[in-house]
């Protein structure tokens, strides 16, 4: 059972005819990158804001 999710995806692809192309993967790379990068961006904005308030 170690490959159960992969097997489920492959079975669904065979049954439904869904074969994701490069655009599908590129979209998910952008989404995951945004989810990971957003906290860093917000932290930087808050730090810069606090620095300006101290002056």
C-alpha atoms as a PDB file:
ATOM      1  CA  UNK A   1       0.000   0.000   0.000  1.00  0.00           C
ATOM      2  CA  UNK A   2       2.854   2.525  -0.110  1.00  0.00           C
ATOM      3  CA  UNK A   3       1.768   3.751  -3.556  1.00  0.00           C
ATOM      4  CA  UNK A   4      -1.952   3.931  -2.918  1.00  0.00           C
ATOM      5  CA  UNK A   5      -2.392   7.680  -3.728  1.00  0.00           C
ATOM      6  CA  UNK A   6      -0.331   7.310  -6.906  1.00  0.00           C
ATOM      7  CA  UNK A   7      -2.314   4.232  -7.905  1.00  0.00           C
ATOM      8  CA  UNK A   8      -5.580   6.093  -7.306  1.00  0.00           C
ATOM      9  CA  UNK A   9      -4.459   8.987  -9.506  1.00  0.00           C
ATOM     10  CA  UNK A  10      -3.309   6.683 -12.273  1.00  0.00           C
ATOM     11  CA  UNK A  11      -6.549   4.715 -12.135  1.00  0.00           C
ATOM     12  CA  UNK A  12      -8.581   7.931 -12.306  1.00  0.00           C
ATOM     13  CA  UNK A  13      -6.501   9.068 -15.271  1.00  0.00           C
ATOM     14  CA  UNK A  14      -7.215   5.840 -17.102  1.00  0.00           C
ATOM     15  CA  UNK A  15     -10.927   5.876 -16.308  1.00  0.00           C
ATOM     16  CA  UNK A  16     -11.675   9.555 -16.929  1.00  0.00           C
ATOM     17  CA  UNK A  17      -9.090  10.256 -19.616  1.00  0.00           C
ATOM     18  CA  UNK A  18      -7.599  13.056 -17.505  1.00  0.00           C
ATOM     19  CA  UNK A  19      -3.937  13.492 -18.358  1.00  0.00           C
ATOM     20  CA  UNK A  20      -2.526  16.721 -16.897  1.00  0.00           C
ATOM     21  CA  UNK A  21      -0.168  18.672 -19.105  1.00  0.00           C
ATOM     22  CA  UNK A  22       2.666  21.059 -18.262  1.00  0.00           C
ATOM     23  CA  UNK A  23       0.265  23.941 -17.591  1.00  0.00           C
ATOM     24  CA  UNK A  24      -1.424  21.919 -14.828  1.00  0.00           C
ATOM     25  CA  UNK A  25       1.880  21.361 -13.053  1.00  0.00           C
ATOM     26  CA  UNK A  26       3.007  24.959 -13.594  1.00  0.00           C
ATOM     27  CA  UNK A  27      -0.210  26.187 -11.985  1.00  0.00           C
ATOM     28  CA  UNK A  28       0.316  24.012  -8.918  1.00  0.00           C
ATOM     29  CA  UNK A  29       3.955  25.119  -8.637  1.00  0.00           C
ATOM     30  CA  UNK A  30       2.745  28.743  -8.534  1.00  0.00           C
ATOM     31  CA  UNK A  31       0.033  27.968  -5.984  1.00  0.00           C
ATOM     32  CA  UNK A  32       2.377  26.058  -3.673  1.00  0.00           C
ATOM     33  CA  UNK A  33       5.071  28.724  -4.083  1.00  0.00           C
ATOM     34  CA  UNK A  34       2.582  31.410  -3.094  1.00  0.00           C
ATOM     35  CA  UNK A  35       1.469  29.450  -0.034  1.00  0.00           C
ATOM     36  CA  UNK A  36       5.078  28.985   1.087  1.00  0.00           C
ATOM     37  CA  UNK A  37       6.227  32.508   0.207  1.00  0.00           C
ATOM     38  CA  UNK A  38       3.302  34.477   1.601  1.00  0.00           C
ATOM     39  CA  UNK A  39       4.314  34.253   5.301  1.00  0.00           C
ATOM     40  CA  UNK A  40       7.836  35.488   4.451  1.00  0.00           C
ATOM     41  CA  UNK A  41       6.416  38.404   2.478  1.00  0.00           C
ATOM     42  CA  UNK A  42       3.999  39.381   5.250  1.00  0.00           C
ATOM     43  CA  UNK A  43       6.768  39.141   7.862  1.00  0.00           C
ATOM     44  CA  UNK A  44       8.972  41.472   5.822  1.00  0.00           C
ATOM     45  CA  UNK A  45       6.146  43.972   5.384  1.00  0.00           C
ATOM     46  CA  UNK A  46       5.406  43.998   9.124  1.00  0.00           C
ATOM     47  CA  UNK A  47       9.109  44.450  10.013  1.00  0.00           C
ATOM     48  CA  UNK A  48       9.470  47.341   7.570  1.00  0.00           C
ATOM     49  CA  UNK A  49       6.304  48.944   8.913  1.00  0.00           C
ATOM     50  CA  UNK A  50       7.515  48.679  12.513  1.00  0.00           C
ATOM     51  CA  UNK A  51      10.913  50.144  11.573  1.00  0.00           C
ATOM     52  CA  UNK A  52       9.221  53.170  10.027  1.00  0.00           C
ATOM     53  CA  UNK A  53       7.020  53.653  13.100  1.00  0.00           C
ATOM     54  CA  UNK A  54      10.027  53.811  15.458  1.00  0.00           C
ATOM     55  CA  UNK A  55      11.643  56.757  13.676  1.00  0.00           C
END
